[in-house]
Amino acid sequence: MAVPSGMDVRWLETLRDSQGPAGLTMRFRFVAPDLAKKKVSQEVVAKDMEALCNGYALPRIAKSGPQPAQIVIAIADRVFPFGEADESAKQYFEAYSIENGACVWELF
């Protein structure tokens, strides 16, 4: 899928977390093997994650039913199970709220 950096990015899975104090969270996980092969800065990856949030995640959120309070976008250089640590993996993630139909970055 197309991202500003031009990296090859593929969707891995979408996880819907249970309702908590912050509300419903939807996690969209992606794999980008180029993260391990190229020196890609955090700033470049942040632009890719924002594009994935607005261009991929938002259109896939149901218009009816509970709406997520937060969307988390994660990009890793390889596939590994959610919630497990892999110290050799390169991974980035960011959280976004939804305001006026767009993703807005949130500080973790």
PDB file of N, CA and C in Angstrom:
ATOM      1  N   MET A   1       0.841  -1.171   0.000  1.00  0.00           N
ATOM      2  CA  MET A   1       0.000   0.000   0.000  1.00  0.00           C
ATOM      3  C   MET A   1       0.886   1.234   0.000  1.00  0.00           C
ATOM      4  N   ALA A   2       0.391   2.282  -0.593  1.00  0.00           N
ATOM      5  CA  ALA A   2       1.196   3.489  -0.793  1.00  0.00           C
ATOM      6  C   ALA A   2       1.296   4.324   0.482  1.00  0.00           C
ATOM      7  N   VAL A   3       2.526   4.695   0.816  1.00  0.00           N
ATOM      8  CA  VAL A   3       2.796   5.595   1.941  1.00  0.00           C
ATOM      9  C   VAL A   3       3.786   6.658   1.449  1.00  0.00           C
ATOM     10  N   PRO A   4       3.854   7.811   2.118  1.00  0.00           N
ATOM     11  CA  PRO A   4       4.721   8.900   1.648  1.00  0.00           C
ATOM     12  C   PRO A   4       6.190   8.513   1.441  1.00  0.00           C
ATOM     13  N   SER A   5       6.724   7.608   2.262  1.00  0.00           N
ATOM     14  CA  SER A   5       8.139   7.238   2.145  1.00  0.00           C
ATOM     15  C   SER A   5       8.420   6.354   0.941  1.00  0.00           C
ATOM     16  N   GLY A   6       7.378   5.727   0.396  1.00  0.00           N
ATOM     17  CA  GLY A   6       7.566   4.793  -0.706  1.00  0.00           C
ATOM     18  C   GLY A   6       7.909   3.382  -0.261  1.00  0.00           C
ATOM     19  N   MET A   7       7.993   3.148   1.055  1.00  0.00           N
ATOM     20  CA  MET A   7       8.272   1.795   1.547  1.00  0.00           C
ATOM     21  C   MET A   7       7.146   0.846   1.167  1.00  0.00           C
ATOM     22  N   ASP A   8       7.485  -0.437   1.051  1.00  0.00           N
ATOM     23  CA  ASP A   8       6.490  -1.488   0.844  1.00  0.00           C
ATOM     24  C   ASP A   8       5.872  -1.793   2.205  1.00  0.00           C
ATOM     25  N   VAL A   9       4.602  -1.472   2.379  1.00  0.00           N
ATOM     26  CA  VAL A   9       3.906  -1.676   3.653  1.00  0.00           C
ATOM     27  C   VAL A   9       2.700  -2.567   3.401  1.00  0.00           C
ATOM     28  N   ARG A  10       2.558  -3.609   4.232  1.00  0.00           N
ATOM     29  CA  ARG A  10       1.425  -4.535   4.114  1.00  0.00           C
ATOM     30  C   ARG A  10       0.670  -4.602   5.429  1.00  0.00           C
ATOM     31  N   TRP A  11      -0.661  -4.652   5.335  1.00  0.00           N
ATOM     32  CA  TRP A  11      -1.508  -4.813   6.517  1.00  0.00           C
ATOM     33  C   TRP A  11      -1.302  -6.212   7.072  1.00  0.00           C
ATOM     34  N   LEU A  12      -1.203  -6.323   8.390  1.00  0.00           N
ATOM     35  CA  LEU A  12      -1.049  -7.609   9.062  1.00  0.00           C
ATOM     36  C   LEU A  12      -2.337  -8.011   9.763  1.00  0.00           C
ATOM     37  N   GLU A  13      -2.847  -7.148  10.639  1.00  0.00           N
ATOM     38  CA  GLU A  13      -4.073  -7.479  11.365  1.00  0.00           C
ATOM     39  C   GLU A  13      -4.654  -6.234  12.012  1.00  0.00           C
ATOM     40  N   THR A  14      -5.922  -6.358  12.383  1.00  0.00           N
ATOM     41  CA  THR A  14      -6.613  -5.311  13.127  1.00  0.00           C
ATOM     42  C   THR A  14      -7.112  -5.922  14.417  1.00  0.00           C
ATOM     43  N   LEU A  15      -6.809  -5.281  15.534  1.00  0.00           N
ATOM     44  CA  LEU A  15      -7.229  -5.757  16.854  1.00  0.00           C
ATOM     45  C   LEU A  15      -8.137  -4.715  17.480  1.00  0.00           C
ATOM     46  N   ARG A  16      -9.219  -5.189  18.044  1.00  0.00           N
ATOM     47  CA  ARG A  16     -10.186  -4.305  18.700  1.00  0.00           C
ATOM     48  C   ARG A  16     -10.104  -4.593  20.190  1.00  0.00           C
ATOM     49  N   ASP A  17      -9.561  -3.650  20.955  1.00  0.00           N
ATOM     50  CA  ASP A  17      -9.411  -3.835  22.399  1.00  0.00           C
ATOM     51  C   ASP A  17     -10.738  -3.613  23.103  1.00  0.00           C
ATOM     52  N   SER A  18     -10.867  -4.215  24.266  1.00  0.00           N
ATOM     53  CA  SER A  18     -12.097  -4.050  25.037  1.00  0.00           C
ATOM     54  C   SER A  18     -12.221  -2.616  25.546  1.00  0.00           C
ATOM     55  N   GLN A  19     -13.443  -2.249  25.855  1.00  0.00           N
ATOM     56  CA  GLN A  19     -13.729  -0.907  26.360  1.00  0.00           C
ATOM     57  C   GLN A  19     -13.020  -0.718  27.699  1.00  0.00           C
ATOM     58  N   GLY A  20     -12.297   0.358  27.845  1.00  0.00           N
ATOM     59  CA  GLY A  20     -11.592   0.654  29.086  1.00  0.00           C
ATOM     60  C   GLY A  20     -11.815   2.095  29.475  1.00  0.00           C
ATOM     61  N   PRO A  21     -11.037   2.604  30.435  1.00  0.00           N
ATOM     62  CA  PRO A  21     -11.207   3.978  30.900  1.00  0.00           C
ATOM     63  C   PRO A  21     -11.041   5.009  29.784  1.00  0.00           C
ATOM     64  N   ALA A  22     -10.160   4.726  28.829  1.00  0.00           N
ATOM     65  CA  ALA A  22      -9.940   5.672  27.727  1.00  0.00           C
ATOM     66  C   ALA A  22     -10.914   5.428  26.581  1.00  0.00           C
ATOM     67  N   GLY A  23     -11.700   4.363  26.665  1.00  0.00           N
ATOM     68  CA  GLY A  23     -12.626   4.020  25.591  1.00  0.00           C
ATOM     69  C   GLY A  23     -12.068   2.910  24.719  1.00  0.00           C
ATOM     70  N   LEU A  24     -12.787   2.592  23.675  1.00  0.00           N
ATOM     71  CA  LEU A  24     -12.411   1.531  22.748  1.00  0.00           C
ATOM     72  C   LEU A  24     -11.157   1.923  21.968  1.00  0.00           C
ATOM     73  N   THR A  25     -10.225   0.981  21.812  1.00  0.00           N
ATOM     74  CA  THR A  25      -9.016   1.194  21.015  1.00  0.00           C
ATOM     75  C   THR A  25      -8.989   0.188  19.883  1.00  0.00           C
ATOM     76  N   MET A  26      -8.687   0.651  18.680  1.00  0.00           N
ATOM     77  CA  MET A  26      -8.482  -0.236  17.538  1.00  0.00           C
ATOM     78  C   MET A  26      -7.022  -0.128  17.135  1.00  0.00           C
ATOM     79  N   ARG A  27      -6.395  -1.295  16.976  1.00  0.00           N
ATOM     80  CA  ARG A  27      -4.973  -1.363  16.617  1.00  0.00           C
ATOM     81  C   ARG A  27      -4.842  -1.933  15.217  1.00  0.00           C
ATOM     82  N   PHE A  28      -4.128  -1.223  14.377  1.00  0.00           N
ATOM     83  CA  PHE A  28      -3.868  -1.669  13.014  1.00  0.00           C
ATOM     84  C   PHE A  28      -2.371  -1.953  12.922  1.00  0.00           C
ATOM     85  N   ARG A  29      -2.031  -3.216  12.656  1.00  0.00           N
ATOM     86  CA  ARG A  29      -0.624  -3.620  12.581  1.00  0.00           C
ATOM     87  C   ARG A  29      -0.220  -3.810  11.124  1.00  0.00           C
ATOM     88  N   PHE A  30       0.967  -3.298  10.793  1.00  0.00           N
ATOM     89  CA  PHE A  30       1.489  -3.370   9.435  1.00  0.00           C
ATOM     90  C   PHE A  30       2.913  -3.909   9.471  1.00  0.00           C
ATOM     91  N   VAL A  31       3.339  -4.494   8.348  1.00  0.00           N
ATOM     92  CA  VAL A  31       4.706  -4.992   8.197  1.00  0.00           C
ATOM     93  C   VAL A  31       5.364  -4.220   7.062  1.00  0.00           C
ATOM     94  N   ALA A  32       6.580  -3.740   7.322  1.00  0.00           N
ATOM     95  CA  ALA A  32       7.375  -3.010   6.325  1.00  0.00           C
ATOM     96  C   ALA A  32       8.809  -3.529   6.404  1.00  0.00           C
ATOM     97  N   PRO A  33       9.142  -4.567   5.612  1.00  0.00           N
ATOM     98  CA  PRO A  33      10.489  -5.142   5.670  1.00  0.00           C
ATOM     99  C   PRO A  33      11.603  -4.124   5.445  1.00  0.00           C
ATOM    100  N   ASP A  34      11.317  -3.033   4.720  1.00  0.00           N
ATOM    101  CA  ASP A  34      12.335  -2.011   4.459  1.00  0.00           C
ATOM    102  C   ASP A  34      12.833  -1.327   5.728  1.00  0.00           C
ATOM    103  N   LEU A  35      12.062  -1.391   6.815  1.00  0.00           N
ATOM    104  CA  LEU A  35      12.524  -0.775   8.069  1.00  0.00           C
ATOM    105  C   LEU A  35      13.864  -1.350   8.502  1.00  0.00           C
ATOM    106  N   ALA A  36      14.088  -2.628   8.245  1.00  0.00           N
ATOM    107  CA  ALA A  36      15.340  -3.275   8.644  1.00  0.00           C
ATOM    108  C   ALA A  36      16.443  -3.068   7.609  1.00  0.00           C
ATOM    109  N   LYS A  37      16.055  -2.827   6.369  1.00  0.00           N
ATOM    110  CA  LYS A  37      17.032  -2.736   5.284  1.00  0.00           C
ATOM    111  C   LYS A  37      17.552  -1.325   5.055  1.00  0.00           C
ATOM    112  N   LYS A  38      16.724  -0.339   5.338  1.00  0.00           N
ATOM    113  CA  LYS A  38      17.083   1.054   5.069  1.00  0.00           C
ATOM    114  C   LYS A  38      17.111   1.848   6.366  1.00  0.00           C
ATOM    115  N   LYS A  39      17.850   2.922   6.351  1.00  0.00           N
ATOM    116  CA  LYS A  39      17.826   3.832   7.500  1.00  0.00           C
ATOM    117  C   LYS A  39      16.660   4.786   7.289  1.00  0.00           C
ATOM    118  N   VAL A  40      15.590   4.528   8.010  1.00  0.00           N
ATOM    119  CA  VAL A  40      14.380   5.337   7.887  1.00  0.00           C
ATOM    120  C   VAL A  40      14.202   6.076   9.203  1.00  0.00           C
ATOM    121  N   SER A  41      14.089   7.389   9.146  1.00  0.00           N
ATOM    122  CA  SER A  41      13.983   8.181  10.372  1.00  0.00           C
ATOM    123  C   SER A  41      12.595   8.076  10.987  1.00  0.00           C
ATOM    124  N   GLN A  42      12.518   8.395  12.269  1.00  0.00           N
ATOM    125  CA  GLN A  42      11.242   8.414  12.986  1.00  0.00           C
ATOM    126  C   GLN A  42      10.278   9.394  12.325  1.00  0.00           C
ATOM    127  N   GLU A  43      10.783  10.525  11.854  1.00  0.00           N
ATOM    128  CA  GLU A  43       9.932  11.529  11.216  1.00  0.00           C
ATOM    129  C   GLU A  43       9.290  10.991   9.943  1.00  0.00           C
ATOM    130  N   VAL A  44      10.058  10.245   9.161  1.00  0.00           N
ATOM    131  CA  VAL A  44       9.536   9.653   7.923  1.00  0.00           C
ATOM    132  C   VAL A  44       8.478   8.610   8.251  1.00  0.00           C
ATOM    133  N   VAL A  45       8.763   7.755   9.223  1.00  0.00           N
ATOM    134  CA  VAL A  45       7.806   6.717   9.614  1.00  0.00           C
ATOM    135  C   VAL A  45       6.547   7.350  10.203  1.00  0.00           C
ATOM    136  N   ALA A  46       6.685   8.442  10.942  1.00  0.00           N
ATOM    137  CA  ALA A  46       5.518   9.120  11.520  1.00  0.00           C
ATOM    138  C   ALA A  46       4.571   9.601  10.422  1.00  0.00           C
ATOM    139  N   LYS A  47       5.109  10.113   9.325  1.00  0.00           N
ATOM    140  CA  LYS A  47       4.265  10.544   8.203  1.00  0.00           C
ATOM    141  C   LYS A  47       3.555   9.347   7.570  1.00  0.00           C
ATOM    142  N   ASP A  48       4.271   8.230   7.462  1.00  0.00           N
ATOM    143  CA  ASP A  48       3.652   7.012   6.928  1.00  0.00           C
ATOM    144  C   ASP A  48       2.517   6.536   7.829  1.00  0.00           C
ATOM    145  N   MET A  49       2.735   6.567   9.146  1.00  0.00           N
ATOM    146  CA  MET A  49       1.704   6.103  10.076  1.00  0.00           C
ATOM    147  C   MET A  49       0.474   7.007  10.029  1.00  0.00           C
ATOM    148  N   GLU A  50       0.686   8.309   9.916  1.00  0.00           N
ATOM    149  CA  GLU A  50      -0.459   9.217   9.806  1.00  0.00           C
ATOM    150  C   GLU A  50      -1.239   8.936   8.521  1.00  0.00           C
ATOM    151  N   ALA A  51      -0.521   8.681   7.430  1.00  0.00           N
ATOM    152  CA  ALA A  51      -1.182   8.354   6.162  1.00  0.00           C
ATOM    153  C   ALA A  51      -1.956   7.043   6.280  1.00  0.00           C
ATOM    154  N   LEU A  52      -1.399   6.056   6.978  1.00  0.00           N
ATOM    155  CA  LEU A  52      -2.100   4.781   7.175  1.00  0.00           C
ATOM    156  C   LEU A  52      -3.333   4.962   8.053  1.00  0.00           C
ATOM    157  N   CYS A  53      -3.238   5.824   9.042  1.00  0.00           N
ATOM    158  CA  CYS A  53      -4.386   6.075   9.913  1.00  0.00           C
ATOM    159  C   CYS A  53      -5.522   6.707   9.113  1.00  0.00           C
ATOM    160  N   ASN A  54      -5.206   7.765   8.367  1.00  0.00           N
ATOM    161  CA  ASN A  54      -6.237   8.475   7.607  1.00  0.00           C
ATOM    162  C   ASN A  54      -6.710   7.705   6.375  1.00  0.00           C
ATOM    163  N   GLY A  55      -5.790   7.045   5.683  1.00  0.00           N
ATOM    164  CA  GLY A  55      -6.135   6.399   4.419  1.00  0.00           C
ATOM    165  C   GLY A  55      -6.544   4.947   4.514  1.00  0.00           C
ATOM    166  N   TYR A  56      -6.129   4.267   5.579  1.00  0.00           N
ATOM    167  CA  TYR A  56      -6.463   2.844   5.720  1.00  0.00           C
ATOM    168  C   TYR A  56      -7.384   2.591   6.909  1.00  0.00           C
ATOM    169  N   ALA A  57      -6.980   3.041   8.086  1.00  0.00           N
ATOM    170  CA  ALA A  57      -7.738   2.717   9.302  1.00  0.00           C
ATOM    171  C   ALA A  57      -9.109   3.394   9.339  1.00  0.00           C
ATOM    172  N   LEU A  58      -9.149   4.698   9.146  1.00  0.00           N
ATOM    173  CA  LEU A  58     -10.430   5.418   9.254  1.00  0.00           C
ATOM    174  C   LEU A  58     -11.520   4.847   8.347  1.00  0.00           C
ATOM    175  N   PRO A  59     -11.230   4.544   7.078  1.00  0.00           N
ATOM    176  CA  PRO A  59     -12.284   3.998   6.224  1.00  0.00           C
ATOM    177  C   PRO A  59     -12.782   2.617   6.667  1.00  0.00           C
ATOM    178  N   ARG A  60     -12.035   1.931   7.521  1.00  0.00           N
ATOM    179  CA  ARG A  60     -12.407   0.589   7.948  1.00  0.00           C
ATOM    180  C   ARG A  60     -13.106   0.548   9.307  1.00  0.00           C
ATOM    181  N   ILE A  61     -13.341   1.700   9.878  1.00  0.00           N
ATOM    182  CA  ILE A  61     -14.064   1.759  11.149  1.00  0.00           C
ATOM    183  C   ILE A  61     -15.551   1.814  10.845  1.00  0.00           C
ATOM    184  N   ALA A  62     -16.290   0.929  11.478  1.00  0.00           N
ATOM    185  CA  ALA A  62     -17.738   0.868  11.253  1.00  0.00           C
ATOM    186  C   ALA A  62     -18.381   2.206  11.590  1.00  0.00           C
ATOM    187  N   LYS A  63     -19.328   2.589  10.781  1.00  0.00           N
ATOM    188  CA  LYS A  63     -20.023   3.861  11.006  1.00  0.00           C
ATOM    189  C   LYS A  63     -21.093   3.737  12.082  1.00  0.00           C
ATOM    190  N   SER A  64     -21.502   2.504  12.380  1.00  0.00           N
ATOM    191  CA  SER A  64     -22.489   2.287  13.438  1.00  0.00           C
ATOM    192  C   SER A  64     -21.839   1.488  14.560  1.00  0.00           C
ATOM    193  N   GLY A  65     -22.416   1.541  15.715  1.00  0.00           N
ATOM    194  CA  GLY A  65     -21.854   0.835  16.865  1.00  0.00           C
ATOM    195  C   GLY A  65     -20.836   1.690  17.581  1.00  0.00           C
ATOM    196  N   PRO A  66     -20.177   1.100  18.563  1.00  0.00           N
ATOM    197  CA  PRO A  66     -19.204   1.859  19.354  1.00  0.00           C
ATOM    198  C   PRO A  66     -18.050   2.369  18.487  1.00  0.00           C
ATOM    199  N   GLN A  67     -17.736   3.626  18.643  1.00  0.00           N
ATOM    200  CA  GLN A  67     -16.627   4.230  17.905  1.00  0.00           C
ATOM    201  C   GLN A  67     -15.377   4.217  18.777  1.00  0.00           C
ATOM    202  N   PRO A  68     -14.213   3.946  18.190  1.00  0.00           N
ATOM    203  CA  PRO A  68     -12.996   3.931  18.995  1.00  0.00           C
ATOM    204  C   PRO A  68     -12.628   5.325  19.488  1.00  0.00           C
ATOM    205  N   ALA A  69     -12.133   5.378  20.708  1.00  0.00           N
ATOM    206  CA  ALA A  69     -11.603   6.626  21.251  1.00  0.00           C
ATOM    207  C   ALA A  69     -10.180   6.833  20.754  1.00  0.00           C
ATOM    208  N   GLN A  70      -9.545   5.723  20.346  1.00  0.00           N
ATOM    209  CA  GLN A  70      -8.144   5.795  19.945  1.00  0.00           C
ATOM    210  C   GLN A  70      -7.866   4.764  18.853  1.00  0.00           C
ATOM    211  N   ILE A  71      -7.006   5.153  17.916  1.00  0.00           N
ATOM    212  CA  ILE A  71      -6.485   4.248  16.896  1.00  0.00           C
ATOM    213  C   ILE A  71      -4.984   4.175  17.120  1.00  0.00           C
ATOM    214  N   VAL A  72      -4.445   2.962  17.150  1.00  0.00           N
ATOM    215  CA  VAL A  72      -2.999   2.780  17.257  1.00  0.00           C
ATOM    216  C   VAL A  72      -2.518   2.165  15.944  1.00  0.00           C
ATOM    217  N   ILE A  73      -1.517   2.786  15.350  1.00  0.00           N
ATOM    218  CA  ILE A  73      -0.889   2.282  14.133  1.00  0.00           C
ATOM    219  C   ILE A  73       0.491   1.768  14.522  1.00  0.00           C
ATOM    220  N   ALA A  74       0.779   0.513  14.165  1.00  0.00           N
ATOM    221  CA  ALA A  74       2.087  -0.091  14.447  1.00  0.00           C
ATOM    222  C   ALA A  74       2.687  -0.596  13.139  1.00  0.00           C
ATOM    223  N   ILE A  75       3.968  -0.315  12.940  1.00  0.00           N
ATOM    224  CA  ILE A  75       4.702  -0.806  11.775  1.00  0.00           C
ATOM    225  C   ILE A  75       5.951  -1.505  12.293  1.00  0.00           C
ATOM    226  N   ALA A  76       6.160  -2.741  11.850  1.00  0.00           N
ATOM    227  CA  ALA A  76       7.350  -3.503  12.244  1.00  0.00           C
ATOM    228  C   ALA A  76       8.026  -4.060  10.995  1.00  0.00           C
ATOM    229  N   ASP A  77       9.304  -4.388  11.128  1.00  0.00           N
ATOM    230  CA  ASP A  77      10.037  -4.922   9.987  1.00  0.00           C
ATOM    231  C   ASP A  77       9.777  -6.405   9.757  1.00  0.00           C
ATOM    232  N   ARG A  78       9.067  -7.042  10.685  1.00  0.00           N
ATOM    233  CA  ARG A  78       8.760  -8.474  10.555  1.00  0.00           C
ATOM    234  C   ARG A  78       7.492  -8.799  11.327  1.00  0.00           C
ATOM    235  N   VAL A  79       6.966  -9.978  11.078  1.00  0.00           N
ATOM    236  CA  VAL A  79       5.769 -10.446  11.777  1.00  0.00           C
ATOM    237  C   VAL A  79       6.187 -11.108  13.084  1.00  0.00           C
ATOM    238  N   PHE A  80       5.534 -10.727  14.164  1.00  0.00           N
ATOM    239  CA  PHE A  80       5.659 -11.432  15.437  1.00  0.00           C
ATOM    240  C   PHE A  80       4.354 -11.232  16.188  1.00  0.00           C
ATOM    241  N   PRO A  81       4.026 -12.158  17.104  1.00  0.00           N
ATOM    242  CA  PRO A  81       2.723 -12.098  17.777  1.00  0.00           C
ATOM    243  C   PRO A  81       2.529 -10.810  18.574  1.00  0.00           C
ATOM    244  N   PHE A  82       1.306 -10.300  18.520  1.00  0.00           N
ATOM    245  CA  PHE A  82       0.960  -9.103  19.273  1.00  0.00           C
ATOM    246  C   PHE A  82       1.182  -9.353  20.760  1.00  0.00           C
ATOM    247  N   GLY A  83       1.778  -8.384  21.430  1.00  0.00           N
ATOM    248  CA  GLY A  83       1.997  -8.478  22.868  1.00  0.00           C
ATOM    249  C   GLY A  83       3.288  -9.169  23.261  1.00  0.00           C
ATOM    250  N   GLU A  84       3.992  -9.754  22.294  1.00  0.00           N
ATOM    251  CA  GLU A  84       5.265 -10.408  22.590  1.00  0.00           C
ATOM    252  C   GLU A  84       6.415  -9.489  22.195  1.00  0.00           C
ATOM    253  N   ALA A  85       7.475  -9.548  22.968  1.00  0.00           N
ATOM    254  CA  ALA A  85       8.662  -8.736  22.683  1.00  0.00           C
ATOM    255  C   ALA A  85       9.576  -9.480  21.718  1.00  0.00           C
ATOM    256  N   ASP A  86      10.169  -8.756  20.804  1.00  0.00           N
ATOM    257  CA  ASP A  86      11.182  -9.287  19.903  1.00  0.00           C
ATOM    258  C   ASP A  86      12.242  -8.196  19.796  1.00  0.00           C
ATOM    259  N   GLU A  87      13.295  -8.340  20.590  1.00  0.00           N
ATOM    260  CA  GLU A  87      14.315  -7.295  20.667  1.00  0.00           C
ATOM    261  C   GLU A  87      15.048  -7.076  19.352  1.00  0.00           C
ATOM    262  N   SER A  88      15.003  -8.057  18.457  1.00  0.00           N
ATOM    263  CA  SER A  88      15.682  -7.889  17.174  1.00  0.00           C
ATOM    264  C   SER A  88      14.799  -7.185  16.143  1.00  0.00           C
ATOM    265  N   ALA A  89      13.532  -7.009  16.465  1.00  0.00           N
ATOM    266  CA  ALA A  89      12.604  -6.358  15.530  1.00  0.00           C
ATOM    267  C   ALA A  89      12.699  -4.841  15.650  1.00  0.00           C
ATOM    268  N   LYS A  90      12.544  -4.189  14.525  1.00  0.00           N
ATOM    269  CA  LYS A  90      12.440  -2.729  14.512  1.00  0.00           C
ATOM    270  C   LYS A  90      10.955  -2.417  14.398  1.00  0.00           C
ATOM    271  N   GLN A  91      10.434  -1.632  15.335  1.00  0.00           N
ATOM    272  CA  GLN A  91       9.004  -1.376  15.388  1.00  0.00           C
ATOM    273  C   GLN A  91       8.738   0.072  15.813  1.00  0.00           C
ATOM    274  N   TYR A  92       7.722   0.651  15.203  1.00  0.00           N
ATOM    275  CA  TYR A  92       7.249   1.983  15.568  1.00  0.00           C
ATOM    276  C   TYR A  92       5.750   1.907  15.797  1.00  0.00           C
ATOM    277  N   PHE A  93       5.251   2.721  16.700  1.00  0.00           N
ATOM    278  CA  PHE A  93       3.804   2.817  16.866  1.00  0.00           C
ATOM    279  C   PHE A  93       3.442   4.208  17.357  1.00  0.00           C
ATOM    280  N   GLU A  94       2.235   4.623  16.960  1.00  0.00           N
ATOM    281  CA  GLU A  94       1.700   5.923  17.351  1.00  0.00           C
ATOM    282  C   GLU A  94       0.217   5.773  17.636  1.00  0.00           C
ATOM    283  N   ALA A  95      -0.298   6.648  18.487  1.00  0.00           N
ATOM    284  CA  ALA A  95      -1.723   6.653  18.827  1.00  0.00           C
ATOM    285  C   ALA A  95      -2.365   7.917  18.269  1.00  0.00           C
ATOM    286  N   TYR A  96      -3.604   7.767  17.845  1.00  0.00           N
ATOM    287  CA  TYR A  96      -4.359   8.879  17.263  1.00  0.00           C
ATOM    288  C   TYR A  96      -5.767   8.898  17.831  1.00  0.00           C
ATOM    289  N   SER A  97      -6.307  10.083  18.006  1.00  0.00           N
ATOM    290  CA  SER A  97      -7.734  10.229  18.284  1.00  0.00           C
ATOM    291  C   SER A  97      -8.383  10.614  16.956  1.00  0.00           C
ATOM    292  N   ILE A  98      -9.706  10.581  16.926  1.00  0.00           N
ATOM    293  CA  ILE A  98     -10.429  10.952  15.714  1.00  0.00           C
ATOM    294  C   ILE A  98     -11.159  12.263  15.985  1.00  0.00           C
ATOM    295  N   GLU A  99     -10.848  13.266  15.184  1.00  0.00           N
ATOM    296  CA  GLU A  99     -11.504  14.570  15.309  1.00  0.00           C
ATOM    297  C   GLU A  99     -11.888  15.067  13.927  1.00  0.00           C
ATOM    298  N   ASN A 100     -13.160  15.395  13.765  1.00  0.00           N
ATOM    299  CA  ASN A 100     -13.663  15.914  12.486  1.00  0.00           C
ATOM    300  C   ASN A 100     -13.308  15.002  11.314  1.00  0.00           C
ATOM    301  N   GLY A 101     -13.391  13.686  11.543  1.00  0.00           N
ATOM    302  CA  GLY A 101     -13.157  12.720  10.477  1.00  0.00           C
ATOM    303  C   GLY A 101     -11.711  12.527  10.088  1.00  0.00           C
ATOM    304  N   ALA A 102     -10.772  12.944  10.940  1.00  0.00           N
ATOM    305  CA  ALA A 102      -9.345  12.798  10.640  1.00  0.00           C
ATOM    306  C   ALA A 102      -8.595  12.292  11.867  1.00  0.00           C
ATOM    307  N   CYS A 103      -7.468  11.646  11.621  1.00  0.00           N
ATOM    308  CA  CYS A 103      -6.612  11.169  12.706  1.00  0.00           C
ATOM    309  C   CYS A 103      -5.785  12.328  13.255  1.00  0.00           C
ATOM    310  N   VAL A 104      -5.752  12.436  14.579  1.00  0.00           N
ATOM    311  CA  VAL A 104      -4.974  13.471  15.258  1.00  0.00           C
ATOM    312  C   VAL A 104      -3.996  12.764  16.189  1.00  0.00           C
ATOM    313  N   TRP A 105      -2.700  13.011  15.978  1.00  0.00           N
ATOM    314  CA  TRP A 105      -1.661  12.354  16.759  1.00  0.00           C
ATOM    315  C   TRP A 105      -1.804  12.677  18.240  1.00  0.00           C
ATOM    316  N   GLU A 106      -1.596  11.650  19.080  1.00  0.00           N
ATOM    317  CA  GLU A 106      -1.621  11.820  20.534  1.00  0.00           C
ATOM    318  C   GLU A 106      -0.273  11.425  21.104  1.00  0.00           C
ATOM    319  N   LEU A 107       0.192  12.167  22.075  1.00  0.00           N
ATOM    320  CA  LEU A 107       1.426  11.830  22.769  1.00  0.00           C
ATOM    321  C   LEU A 107       1.153  10.663  23.701  1.00  0.00           C
ATOM    322  N   PHE A 108       1.979   9.617  23.608  1.00  0.00           N
ATOM    323  CA  PHE A 108       1.820   8.460  24.512  1.00  0.00           C
ATOM    324  C   PHE A 108       2.188   8.860  25.909  1.00  0.00           C
TER     325      PHE A 108
END
